[in-house]
Amino acid sequence: MATKTHASSSRSLHVVDTFAPEAAALRKHFDERFAEPRSATAGRFVWDYWHVPGQYTALRTPAWTYFPSEIYQRFHRRLVEWGRRTLGCHDVSPPWMSCYVDGCVQHLHGDLPHGPWAFVLSLTPWKQRVFRGGETLMLRDEVLDFWSDFVSIRSVEEPEILRAIEPEFNRLVVFDPRIPHGVREVRGTHDPRHGRLVIHGWFVQPRPFIDGPLPSRQLASRTASLEPVVSRELGAGLALSGLLSVRVKVSIRGRVTAVDVLSDTTRVPRADEKHRVKLVRAMIAAMREWSFPAQKAASSATIPFVFEQG
């Protein structure tokens, strides 16, 4: 049965609802392990109480060893496939599962250098929750450049500073991990079955992903031809960092029919933003002019471009 999926995104954030059909089975396995509080089975002794004073408090365990292999592998393959097609990231880091009960929290922090995108899949029955807190918090982009449009008569309270994302059941939240983020403190339950439960990690290894018969060596050759376009702006002193992922569609005749930006976390100082936009547009324009030998079928390629400042 097809899964109805709602997705929204911005330059820093992707939110995909009803992401994984496996979510219900994963959650059921967790509930079954905690069904009898007095039991002393081995499956209950796998949790690490992770506590860093003033920063992190949560229960955590490796997700890939916690669940039955067949169910977990289906979910894992789905997550990897999504990352390849949407972000141009070839794999994910070994995911953790974290459980938040009363007093658990993650204060604001940045994840460097784990991967270009972080992910959180919620297994929390959010609408039936009995606790307070538990939202994923992200510092808003405008706060990172607070003084650029500062107005002294404008009020500034938490909603203007932090974006709060509710961990609804089976919601996948993917975000730029360089942005300070955290988890609002959970209050109101000591029962793991009633806490905030999530699987989380990072998308890693950005590299091209091809659907169709387009040879990878030809794609690599065309991608290398962009070097003069990029060097022209970077050589002028543009301090660019982040990941730009695009999808290039190629017809059976070898012509590029579309170039779409899938995700873009590239950042520069505000004064250089027009130069960043100019570079991205120049790259897209150059890709639209690519041509390839005729193929047996149409193809599409997801191409990540990584920019780093040392």
C-alpha atoms as a PDB file:
ATOM      1  CA  MET A   1       0.000   0.000   0.000  1.00  0.00           C
ATOM      2  CA  ALA A   2       1.370   3.412  -0.928  1.00  0.00           C
ATOM      3  CA  THR A   3       2.214   5.776   1.897  1.00  0.00           C
ATOM      4  CA  LYS A   4       0.871   9.306   1.774  1.00  0.00           C
ATOM      5  CA  THR A   5       3.814  11.593   2.345  1.00  0.00           C
ATOM      6  CA  HIS A   6       3.763  15.326   3.012  1.00  0.00           C
ATOM      7  CA  ALA A   7       7.055  17.161   2.660  1.00  0.00           C
ATOM      8  CA  SER A   8       8.155  20.714   3.308  1.00  0.00           C
ATOM      9  CA  SER A   9      11.589  22.228   3.091  1.00  0.00           C
ATOM     10  CA  SER A  10      13.723  25.328   3.345  1.00  0.00           C
ATOM     11  CA  ARG A  11      17.423  25.921   2.862  1.00  0.00           C
ATOM     12  CA  SER A  12      18.115  24.644   6.379  1.00  0.00           C
ATOM     13  CA  LEU A  13      15.339  22.143   6.945  1.00  0.00           C
ATOM     14  CA  HIS A  14      13.347  19.284   5.375  1.00  0.00           C
ATOM     15  CA  VAL A  15      10.255  17.884   7.118  1.00  0.00           C
ATOM     16  CA  VAL A  16       8.673  14.698   5.726  1.00  0.00           C
ATOM     17  CA  ASP A  17       5.553  13.334   7.407  1.00  0.00           C
ATOM     18  CA  THR A  18       4.503   9.649   7.306  1.00  0.00           C
ATOM     19  CA  PHE A  19       8.003   8.825   6.116  1.00  0.00           C
ATOM     20  CA  ALA A  20       8.437   5.093   6.803  1.00  0.00           C
ATOM     21  CA  PRO A  21       5.809   2.325   6.644  1.00  0.00           C
ATOM     22  CA  GLU A  22       8.100   0.421   9.052  1.00  0.00           C
ATOM     23  CA  ALA A  23       7.574   2.988  11.835  1.00  0.00           C
ATOM     24  CA  ALA A  24       4.621   1.172  13.393  1.00  0.00           C
ATOM     25  CA  ALA A  25       6.526  -2.136  13.586  1.00  0.00           C
ATOM     26  CA  LEU A  26       9.586  -0.411  15.056  1.00  0.00           C
ATOM     27  CA  ARG A  27       7.452   1.236  17.692  1.00  0.00           C
ATOM     28  CA  LYS A  28       5.651  -2.026  18.489  1.00  0.00           C
ATOM     29  CA  HIS A  29       8.967  -3.769  19.128  1.00  0.00           C
ATOM     30  CA  PHE A  30       9.996  -1.021  21.554  1.00  0.00           C
ATOM     31  CA  ASP A  31       6.692  -1.230  23.435  1.00  0.00           C
ATOM     32  CA  GLU A  32       6.923  -5.006  23.713  1.00  0.00           C
ATOM     33  CA  ARG A  33      10.363  -4.816  25.318  1.00  0.00           C
ATOM     34  CA  PHE A  34       9.037  -2.483  27.996  1.00  0.00           C
ATOM     35  CA  ALA A  35       5.638  -4.151  28.419  1.00  0.00           C
ATOM     36  CA  GLU A  36       6.506  -5.785  31.753  1.00  0.00           C
ATOM     37  CA  PRO A  37       8.452  -3.413  34.074  1.00  0.00           C
ATOM     38  CA  ARG A  38       9.513  -6.259  36.404  1.00  0.00           C
ATOM     39  CA  SER A  39      11.045  -8.392  33.665  1.00  0.00           C
ATOM     40  CA  ALA A  40      14.828  -8.733  33.467  1.00  0.00           C
ATOM     41  CA  THR A  41      15.355  -9.777  29.860  1.00  0.00           C
ATOM     42  CA  ALA A  42      18.577  -8.968  28.027  1.00  0.00           C
ATOM     43  CA  GLY A  43      16.784  -6.578  25.689  1.00  0.00           C
ATOM     44  CA  ARG A  44      16.134  -4.191  28.562  1.00  0.00           C
ATOM     45  CA  PHE A  45      19.819  -3.863  29.459  1.00  0.00           C
ATOM     46  CA  VAL A  46      21.021  -2.153  26.279  1.00  0.00           C
ATOM     47  CA  TRP A  47      20.496   1.486  27.219  1.00  0.00           C
ATOM     48  CA  ASP A  48      23.246   3.999  27.986  1.00  0.00           C
ATOM     49  CA  TYR A  49      22.316   6.848  30.329  1.00  0.00           C
ATOM     50  CA  TRP A  50      24.108   9.647  28.495  1.00  0.00           C
ATOM     51  CA  HIS A  51      24.679  12.639  30.725  1.00  0.00           C
ATOM     52  CA  VAL A  52      27.002  15.564  30.048  1.00  0.00           C
ATOM     53  CA  PRO A  53      26.375  18.162  32.784  1.00  0.00           C
ATOM     54  CA  GLY A  54      24.768  21.306  31.426  1.00  0.00           C
ATOM     55  CA  GLN A  55      24.477  19.916  27.884  1.00  0.00           C
ATOM     56  CA  TYR A  56      22.956  16.446  27.270  1.00  0.00           C
ATOM     57  CA  THR A  57      20.783  14.013  29.224  1.00  0.00           C
ATOM     58  CA  ALA A  58      19.040  11.082  27.506  1.00  0.00           C
ATOM     59  CA  LEU A  59      18.812   7.317  27.268  1.00  0.00           C
ATOM     60  CA  ARG A  60      20.390   6.015  24.054  1.00  0.00           C
ATOM     61  CA  THR A  61      21.207   2.758  22.273  1.00  0.00           C
ATOM     62  CA  PRO A  62      22.415   1.795  18.770  1.00  0.00           C
ATOM     63  CA  ALA A  63      19.273   1.553  16.648  1.00  0.00           C
ATOM     64  CA  TRP A  64      20.734  -0.958  14.190  1.00  0.00           C
ATOM     65  CA  THR A  65      21.186  -3.601  16.915  1.00  0.00           C
ATOM     66  CA  TYR A  66      17.970  -2.889  18.839  1.00  0.00           C
ATOM     67  CA  PHE A  67      15.358  -3.938  16.295  1.00  0.00           C
ATOM     68  CA  PRO A  68      14.733  -7.196  14.394  1.00  0.00           C
ATOM     69  CA  SER A  69      17.048  -7.162  11.392  1.00  0.00           C
ATOM     70  CA  GLU A  70      14.417  -7.517   8.674  1.00  0.00           C
ATOM     71  CA  ILE A  71      12.298  -4.591   9.878  1.00  0.00           C
ATOM     72  CA  TYR A  72      15.264  -2.367  10.599  1.00  0.00           C
ATOM     73  CA  GLN A  73      16.980  -3.054   7.266  1.00  0.00           C
ATOM     74  CA  ARG A  74      13.852  -2.068   5.330  1.00  0.00           C
ATOM     75  CA  PHE A  75      13.742   1.223   7.182  1.00  0.00           C
ATOM     76  CA  HIS A  76      17.492   1.756   6.783  1.00  0.00           C
ATOM     77  CA  ARG A  77      17.373   1.183   3.018  1.00  0.00           C
ATOM     78  CA  ARG A  78      14.472   3.622   2.706  1.00  0.00           C
ATOM     79  CA  LEU A  79      16.392   6.284   4.627  1.00  0.00           C
ATOM     80  CA  VAL A  80      19.562   5.801   2.561  1.00  0.00           C
ATOM     81  CA  GLU A  81      17.607   5.920  -0.701  1.00  0.00           C
ATOM     82  CA  TRP A  82      15.916   9.151   0.329  1.00  0.00           C
ATOM     83  CA  GLY A  83      19.276  10.705   1.208  1.00  0.00           C
ATOM     84  CA  ARG A  84      20.780   9.723  -2.138  1.00  0.00           C
ATOM     85  CA  ARG A  85      17.914  11.079  -4.223  1.00  0.00           C
ATOM     86  CA  THR A  86      17.228  14.211  -2.187  1.00  0.00           C
ATOM     87  CA  LEU A  87      20.562  15.265  -0.704  1.00  0.00           C
ATOM     88  CA  GLY A  88      23.189  13.534  -2.834  1.00  0.00           C
ATOM     89  CA  CYS A  89      24.522  11.784   0.284  1.00  0.00           C
ATOM     90  CA  HIS A  90      25.476   8.160  -0.338  1.00  0.00           C
ATOM     91  CA  ASP A  91      24.914   6.766   3.159  1.00  0.00           C
ATOM     92  CA  VAL A  92      23.934   7.482   6.753  1.00  0.00           C
ATOM     93  CA  SER A  93      25.995   7.216   9.902  1.00  0.00           C
ATOM     94  CA  PRO A  94      25.077   4.275  12.179  1.00  0.00           C
ATOM     95  CA  PRO A  95      21.833   5.608  13.697  1.00  0.00           C
ATOM     96  CA  TRP A  96      21.168   5.975  17.400  1.00  0.00           C
ATOM     97  CA  MET A  97      17.838   5.643  19.157  1.00  0.00           C
ATOM     98  CA  SER A  98      17.216   8.018  22.048  1.00  0.00           C
ATOM     99  CA  CYS A  99      14.495   7.992  24.681  1.00  0.00           C
ATOM    100  CA  TYR A 100      13.686  11.131  26.704  1.00  0.00           C
ATOM    101  CA  VAL A 101      11.896  10.842  30.030  1.00  0.00           C
ATOM    102  CA  ASP A 102      11.532  13.353  32.854  1.00  0.00           C
ATOM    103  CA  GLY A 103      14.597  15.621  33.012  1.00  0.00           C
ATOM    104  CA  CYS A 104      16.078  14.594  29.638  1.00  0.00           C
ATOM    105  CA  VAL A 105      17.215  17.446  27.419  1.00  0.00           C
ATOM    106  CA  GLN A 106      19.665  18.576  24.777  1.00  0.00           C
ATOM    107  CA  HIS A 107      20.795  22.162  25.136  1.00  0.00           C
ATOM    108  CA  LEU A 108      21.718  24.131  22.026  1.00  0.00           C
ATOM    109  CA  HIS A 109      24.774  22.827  20.179  1.00  0.00           C
ATOM    110  CA  GLY A 110      26.135  22.294  16.669  1.00  0.00           C
ATOM    111  CA  ASP A 111      27.194  18.956  15.154  1.00  0.00           C
ATOM    112  CA  LEU A 112      30.598  19.316  13.521  1.00  0.00           C
ATOM    113  CA  PRO A 113      31.865  17.553  11.518  1.00  0.00           C
ATOM    114  CA  HIS A 114      29.533  14.512  11.606  1.00  0.00           C
ATOM    115  CA  GLY A 115      27.854  15.013   8.230  1.00  0.00           C
ATOM    116  CA  PRO A 116      26.301  17.707   6.007  1.00  0.00           C
ATOM    117  CA  TRP A 117      22.734  16.885   7.122  1.00  0.00           C
ATOM    118  CA  ALA A 118      21.345  15.532  10.408  1.00  0.00           C
ATOM    119  CA  PHE A 119      18.122  13.518  10.662  1.00  0.00           C
ATOM    120  CA  VAL A 120      15.592  12.684  13.372  1.00  0.00           C
ATOM    121  CA  LEU A 121      12.778  10.163  12.818  1.00  0.00           C
ATOM    122  CA  SER A 122      10.151  10.272  15.541  1.00  0.00           C
ATOM    123  CA  LEU A 123       8.624   7.099  16.969  1.00  0.00           C
ATOM    124  CA  THR A 124       6.788   9.191  19.558  1.00  0.00           C
ATOM    125  CA  PRO A 125       2.960   8.934  19.719  1.00  0.00           C
ATOM    126  CA  TRP A 126       2.925  12.717  19.890  1.00  0.00           C
ATOM    127  CA  LYS A 127      -0.835  13.287  19.878  1.00  0.00           C
ATOM    128  CA  GLN A 128      -1.251  10.967  22.883  1.00  0.00           C
ATOM    129  CA  ARG A 129       1.742  12.287  24.833  1.00  0.00           C
ATOM    130  CA  VAL A 130       1.513  12.785  28.587  1.00  0.00           C
ATOM    131  CA  PHE A 131       4.717  14.833  28.919  1.00  0.00           C
ATOM    132  CA  ARG A 132       5.645  18.462  28.277  1.00  0.00           C
ATOM    133  CA  GLY A 133       8.529  19.530  26.042  1.00  0.00           C
ATOM    134  CA  GLY A 134      10.356  17.264  23.600  1.00  0.00           C
ATOM    135  CA  GLU A 135      10.297  19.554  20.566  1.00  0.00           C
ATOM    136  CA  THR A 136      13.349  19.763  18.327  1.00  0.00           C
ATOM    137  CA  LEU A 137      14.682  23.309  18.601  1.00  0.00           C
ATOM    138  CA  MET A 138      16.629  25.143  15.897  1.00  0.00           C
ATOM    139  CA  LEU A 139      18.063  28.626  16.053  1.00  0.00           C
ATOM    140  CA  ARG A 140      16.336  30.628  13.320  1.00  0.00           C
ATOM    141  CA  ASP A 141      18.473  31.662  10.357  1.00  0.00           C
ATOM    142  CA  GLU A 142      17.784  35.344  10.935  1.00  0.00           C
ATOM    143  CA  VAL A 143      19.172  35.122  14.472  1.00  0.00           C
ATOM    144  CA  LEU A 144      22.504  33.924  13.071  1.00  0.00           C
ATOM    145  CA  ASP A 145      22.711  37.323  11.348  1.00  0.00           C
ATOM    146  CA  PHE A 146      20.863  39.194  14.063  1.00  0.00           C
ATOM    147  CA  TRP A 147      22.122  42.717  13.444  1.00  0.00           C
ATOM    148  CA  SER A 148      21.528  42.869   9.689  1.00  0.00           C
ATOM    149  CA  ASP A 149      17.867  43.893  10.077  1.00  0.00           C
ATOM    150  CA  PHE A 150      17.772  44.840  13.763  1.00  0.00           C
ATOM    151  CA  VAL A 151      14.937  47.158  14.805  1.00  0.00           C
ATOM    152  CA  SER A 152      15.152  48.467  18.363  1.00  0.00           C
ATOM    153  CA  ILE A 153      11.378  48.757  18.816  1.00  0.00           C
ATOM    154  CA  ARG A 154      10.642  45.176  17.731  1.00  0.00           C
ATOM    155  CA  SER A 155       9.972  42.626  20.452  1.00  0.00           C
ATOM    156  CA  VAL A 156      12.134  39.492  20.491  1.00  0.00           C
ATOM    157  CA  GLU A 157      10.866  36.422  22.324  1.00  0.00           C
ATOM    158  CA  GLU A 158      11.527  32.684  22.013  1.00  0.00           C
ATOM    159  CA  PRO A 159       9.363  32.042  18.901  1.00  0.00           C
ATOM    160  CA  GLU A 160      11.358  34.726  17.054  1.00  0.00           C
ATOM    161  CA  ILE A 161      14.645  33.140  18.162  1.00  0.00           C
ATOM    162  CA  LEU A 162      13.973  29.405  18.059  1.00  0.00           C
ATOM    163  CA  ARG A 163      12.070  27.216  15.614  1.00  0.00           C
ATOM    164  CA  ALA A 164      10.238  24.444  17.530  1.00  0.00           C
ATOM    165  CA  ILE A 165       9.446  21.291  15.526  1.00  0.00           C
ATOM    166  CA  GLU A 166       7.039  18.811  17.084  1.00  0.00           C
ATOM    167  CA  PRO A 167       8.221  15.168  16.822  1.00  0.00           C
ATOM    168  CA  GLU A 168       4.978  13.782  15.445  1.00  0.00           C
ATOM    169  CA  PHE A 169       4.908  10.039  14.928  1.00  0.00           C
ATOM    170  CA  ASN A 170       6.737   8.932  11.755  1.00  0.00           C
ATOM    171  CA  ARG A 171       7.931  12.470  10.987  1.00  0.00           C
ATOM    172  CA  LEU A 172      11.409  12.741   9.475  1.00  0.00           C
ATOM    173  CA  VAL A 173      13.176  16.010  10.262  1.00  0.00           C
ATOM    174  CA  VAL A 174      16.373  16.690   8.319  1.00  0.00           C
ATOM    175  CA  PHE A 175      18.394  19.826   9.036  1.00  0.00           C
ATOM    176  CA  ASP A 176      21.719  21.577   8.619  1.00  0.00           C
ATOM    177  CA  PRO A 177      23.581  20.388  11.744  1.00  0.00           C
ATOM    178  CA  ARG A 178      25.844  23.446  11.801  1.00  0.00           C
ATOM    179  CA  ILE A 179      22.875  25.486  13.030  1.00  0.00           C
ATOM    180  CA  PRO A 180      22.632  25.448  16.844  1.00  0.00           C
ATOM    181  CA  HIS A 181      19.865  23.025  17.790  1.00  0.00           C
ATOM    182  CA  GLY A 182      18.622  20.982  20.715  1.00  0.00           C
ATOM    183  CA  VAL A 183      15.659  19.261  22.375  1.00  0.00           C
ATOM    184  CA  ARG A 184      13.355  21.041  24.809  1.00  0.00           C
ATOM    185  CA  GLU A 185      13.483  19.409  28.255  1.00  0.00           C
ATOM    186  CA  VAL A 186      10.934  16.642  28.789  1.00  0.00           C
ATOM    187  CA  ARG A 187       8.834  16.823  31.940  1.00  0.00           C
ATOM    188  CA  GLY A 188       5.996  14.654  33.187  1.00  0.00           C
ATOM    189  CA  THR A 189       6.839  10.947  32.800  1.00  0.00           C
ATOM    190  CA  HIS A 190       9.418   8.410  33.951  1.00  0.00           C
ATOM    191  CA  ASP A 191       7.915   5.612  31.845  1.00  0.00           C
ATOM    192  CA  PRO A 192      10.012   5.005  28.687  1.00  0.00           C
ATOM    193  CA  ARG A 193       6.861   3.967  26.804  1.00  0.00           C
ATOM    194  CA  HIS A 194       5.420   7.453  27.396  1.00  0.00           C
ATOM    195  CA  GLY A 195       8.562   9.452  26.614  1.00  0.00           C
ATOM    196  CA  ARG A 196      10.044  11.018  23.493  1.00  0.00           C
ATOM    197  CA  LEU A 197      11.455   8.266  21.266  1.00  0.00           C
ATOM    198  CA  VAL A 198      13.508   9.040  18.137  1.00  0.00           C
ATOM    199  CA  ILE A 199      16.005   7.480  15.731  1.00  0.00           C
ATOM    200  CA  HIS A 200      18.698   9.934  14.699  1.00  0.00           C
ATOM    201  CA  GLY A 201      22.026  10.337  12.937  1.00  0.00           C
ATOM    202  CA  TRP A 202      23.619  12.048   9.946  1.00  0.00           C
ATOM    203  CA  PHE A 203      23.580  11.750   6.173  1.00  0.00           C
ATOM    204  CA  VAL A 204      27.185  11.299   5.024  1.00  0.00           C
ATOM    205  CA  GLN A 205      29.446  10.680   2.001  1.00  0.00           C
ATOM    206  CA  PRO A 206      28.108  13.175  -0.560  1.00  0.00           C
ATOM    207  CA  ARG A 207      28.613  11.819  -4.076  1.00  0.00           C
ATOM    208  CA  PRO A 208      26.612  11.578  -7.321  1.00  0.00           C
ATOM    209  CA  PHE A 209      23.670   9.206  -7.595  1.00  0.00           C
ATOM    210  CA  ILE A 210      22.422   8.174 -11.060  1.00  0.00           C
ATOM    211  CA  ASP A 211      19.039   6.790 -12.128  1.00  0.00           C
ATOM    212  CA  GLY A 212      19.288   5.321 -15.623  1.00  0.00           C
ATOM    213  CA  PRO A 213      22.053   4.318 -18.050  1.00  0.00           C
ATOM    214  CA  LEU A 214      24.040   7.572 -17.957  1.00  0.00           C
ATOM    215  CA  PRO A 215      27.720   6.520 -17.493  1.00  0.00           C
ATOM    216  CA  SER A 216      29.272   7.879 -14.316  1.00  0.00           C
ATOM    217  CA  ARG A 217      32.528   8.752 -16.101  1.00  0.00           C
ATOM    218  CA  GLN A 218      30.660  11.049 -18.490  1.00  0.00           C
ATOM    219  CA  LEU A 219      28.899  12.744 -15.595  1.00  0.00           C
ATOM    220  CA  ALA A 220      32.221  13.175 -13.799  1.00  0.00           C
ATOM    221  CA  SER A 221      33.709  14.787 -16.909  1.00  0.00           C
ATOM    222  CA  ARG A 222      30.855  17.291 -17.201  1.00  0.00           C
ATOM    223  CA  THR A 223      31.000  18.070 -13.505  1.00  0.00           C
ATOM    224  CA  ALA A 224      34.734  18.782 -13.752  1.00  0.00           C
ATOM    225  CA  SER A 225      33.973  21.288 -16.518  1.00  0.00           C
ATOM    226  CA  LEU A 226      32.305  23.510 -13.904  1.00  0.00           C
ATOM    227  CA  GLU A 227      35.642  24.235 -12.234  1.00  0.00           C
ATOM    228  CA  PRO A 228      36.293  27.517 -14.111  1.00  0.00           C
ATOM    229  CA  VAL A 229      32.791  28.746 -13.226  1.00  0.00           C
ATOM    230  CA  VAL A 230      33.321  28.012  -9.541  1.00  0.00           C
ATOM    231  CA  SER A 231      36.928  29.201  -9.411  1.00  0.00           C
ATOM    232  CA  ARG A 232      35.980  32.581 -10.856  1.00  0.00           C
ATOM    233  CA  GLU A 233      33.848  33.441  -7.813  1.00  0.00           C
ATOM    234  CA  LEU A 234      35.878  31.642  -5.166  1.00  0.00           C
ATOM    235  CA  GLY A 235      39.048  33.169  -6.541  1.00  0.00           C
ATOM    236  CA  ALA A 236      37.531  36.600  -5.994  1.00  0.00           C
ATOM    237  CA  GLY A 237      37.408  35.860  -2.266  1.00  0.00           C
ATOM    238  CA  LEU A 238      33.932  34.360  -1.806  1.00  0.00           C
ATOM    239  CA  ALA A 239      34.028  32.498   1.544  1.00  0.00           C
ATOM    240  CA  LEU A 240      31.506  29.779   0.719  1.00  0.00           C
ATOM    241  CA  SER A 241      30.689  26.709   2.807  1.00  0.00           C
ATOM    242  CA  GLY A 242      27.923  24.121   2.680  1.00  0.00           C
ATOM    243  CA  LEU A 243      26.370  21.546   0.359  1.00  0.00           C
ATOM    244  CA  LEU A 244      24.527  22.267  -2.876  1.00  0.00           C
ATOM    245  CA  SER A 245      22.667  19.284  -4.375  1.00  0.00           C
ATOM    246  CA  VAL A 246      21.012  19.401  -7.793  1.00  0.00           C
ATOM    247  CA  ARG A 247      19.155  16.951 -10.003  1.00  0.00           C
ATOM    248  CA  VAL A 248      20.000  16.946 -13.706  1.00  0.00           C
ATOM    249  CA  LYS A 249      17.544  15.227 -16.049  1.00  0.00           C
ATOM    250  CA  VAL A 250      18.922  13.915 -19.352  1.00  0.00           C
ATOM    251  CA  SER A 251      16.776  12.832 -22.286  1.00  0.00           C
ATOM    252  CA  ILE A 252      17.276   9.704 -24.372  1.00  0.00           C
ATOM    253  CA  ARG A 253      19.003  11.964 -26.913  1.00  0.00           C
ATOM    254  CA  GLY A 254      21.515  13.134 -24.327  1.00  0.00           C
ATOM    255  CA  ARG A 255      20.103  16.607 -23.841  1.00  0.00           C
ATOM    256  CA  VAL A 256      19.622  18.184 -20.425  1.00  0.00           C
ATOM    257  CA  THR A 257      15.911  18.810 -19.973  1.00  0.00           C
ATOM    258  CA  ALA A 258      15.926  20.172 -16.407  1.00  0.00           C
ATOM    259  CA  VAL A 259      18.259  21.221 -13.598  1.00  0.00           C
ATOM    260  CA  ASP A 260      16.565  21.427 -10.186  1.00  0.00           C
ATOM    261  CA  VAL A 261      18.074  22.480  -6.862  1.00  0.00           C
ATOM    262  CA  LEU A 262      17.166  19.791  -4.317  1.00  0.00           C
ATOM    263  CA  SER A 263      18.876  21.249  -1.267  1.00  0.00           C
ATOM    264  CA  ASP A 264      21.249  24.102  -0.597  1.00  0.00           C
ATOM    265  CA  THR A 265      23.016  24.779   2.696  1.00  0.00           C
ATOM    266  CA  THR A 266      25.703  27.023   1.179  1.00  0.00           C
ATOM    267  CA  ARG A 267      26.329  30.063   3.337  1.00  0.00           C
ATOM    268  CA  VAL A 268      28.378  33.257   3.109  1.00  0.00           C
ATOM    269  CA  PRO A 269      28.557  36.481   5.118  1.00  0.00           C
ATOM    270  CA  ARG A 270      25.457  38.567   4.381  1.00  0.00           C
ATOM    271  CA  ALA A 271      27.410  41.144   2.406  1.00  0.00           C
ATOM    272  CA  ASP A 272      28.424  38.406  -0.073  1.00  0.00           C
ATOM    273  CA  GLU A 273      24.980  36.834  -0.534  1.00  0.00           C
ATOM    274  CA  LYS A 274      24.490  38.296  -4.007  1.00  0.00           C
ATOM    275  CA  HIS A 275      27.776  36.678  -5.086  1.00  0.00           C
ATOM    276  CA  ARG A 276      26.653  33.316  -3.683  1.00  0.00           C
ATOM    277  CA  VAL A 277      23.393  33.530  -5.619  1.00  0.00           C
ATOM    278  CA  LYS A 278      25.318  34.530  -8.739  1.00  0.00           C
ATOM    279  CA  LEU A 279      27.564  31.469  -8.423  1.00  0.00           C
ATOM    280  CA  VAL A 280      24.659  29.035  -7.959  1.00  0.00           C
ATOM    281  CA  ARG A 281      22.849  30.512 -10.958  1.00  0.00           C
ATOM    282  CA  ALA A 282      25.993  30.332 -13.089  1.00  0.00           C
ATOM    283  CA  MET A 283      26.474  26.654 -12.177  1.00  0.00           C
ATOM    284  CA  ILE A 284      22.863  25.832 -13.069  1.00  0.00           C
ATOM    285  CA  ALA A 285      23.134  27.721 -16.359  1.00  0.00           C
ATOM    286  CA  ALA A 286      26.300  25.813 -17.263  1.00  0.00           C
ATOM    287  CA  MET A 287      24.676  22.455 -16.444  1.00  0.00           C
ATOM    288  CA  ARG A 288      21.721  23.255 -18.690  1.00  0.00           C
ATOM    289  CA  GLU A 289      24.184  23.447 -21.594  1.00  0.00           C
ATOM    290  CA  TRP A 290      25.614  19.975 -20.998  1.00  0.00           C
ATOM    291  CA  SER A 291      25.134  17.299 -23.633  1.00  0.00           C
ATOM    292  CA  PHE A 292      25.752  13.562 -23.576  1.00  0.00           C
ATOM    293  CA  PRO A 293      25.777  10.743 -26.140  1.00  0.00           C
ATOM    294  CA  ALA A 294      22.373   9.240 -26.857  1.00  0.00           C
ATOM    295  CA  GLN A 295      21.356   6.561 -24.351  1.00  0.00           C
ATOM    296  CA  LYS A 296      18.909   3.644 -24.308  1.00  0.00           C
ATOM    297  CA  ALA A 297      16.691   5.497 -21.843  1.00  0.00           C
ATOM    298  CA  ALA A 298      16.366   8.833 -20.110  1.00  0.00           C
ATOM    299  CA  SER A 299      18.424   9.370 -16.951  1.00  0.00           C
ATOM    300  CA  SER A 300      18.590  11.649 -13.960  1.00  0.00           C
ATOM    301  CA  ALA A 301      21.571  12.392 -11.767  1.00  0.00           C
ATOM    302  CA  THR A 302      21.665  13.814  -8.256  1.00  0.00           C
ATOM    303  CA  ILE A 303      24.905  15.779  -7.922  1.00  0.00           C
ATOM    304  CA  PRO A 304      26.248  17.176  -4.633  1.00  0.00           C
ATOM    305  CA  PHE A 305      28.757  20.032  -4.597  1.00  0.00           C
ATOM    306  CA  VAL A 306      30.634  20.401  -1.302  1.00  0.00           C
ATOM    307  CA  PHE A 307      32.168  23.750  -0.387  1.00  0.00           C
ATOM    308  CA  GLU A 308      34.397  23.956   2.675  1.00  0.00           C
ATOM    309  CA  GLN A 309      36.330  26.719   4.338  1.00  0.00           C
ATOM    310  CA  GLY A 310      39.435  25.466   6.107  1.00  0.00           C
END
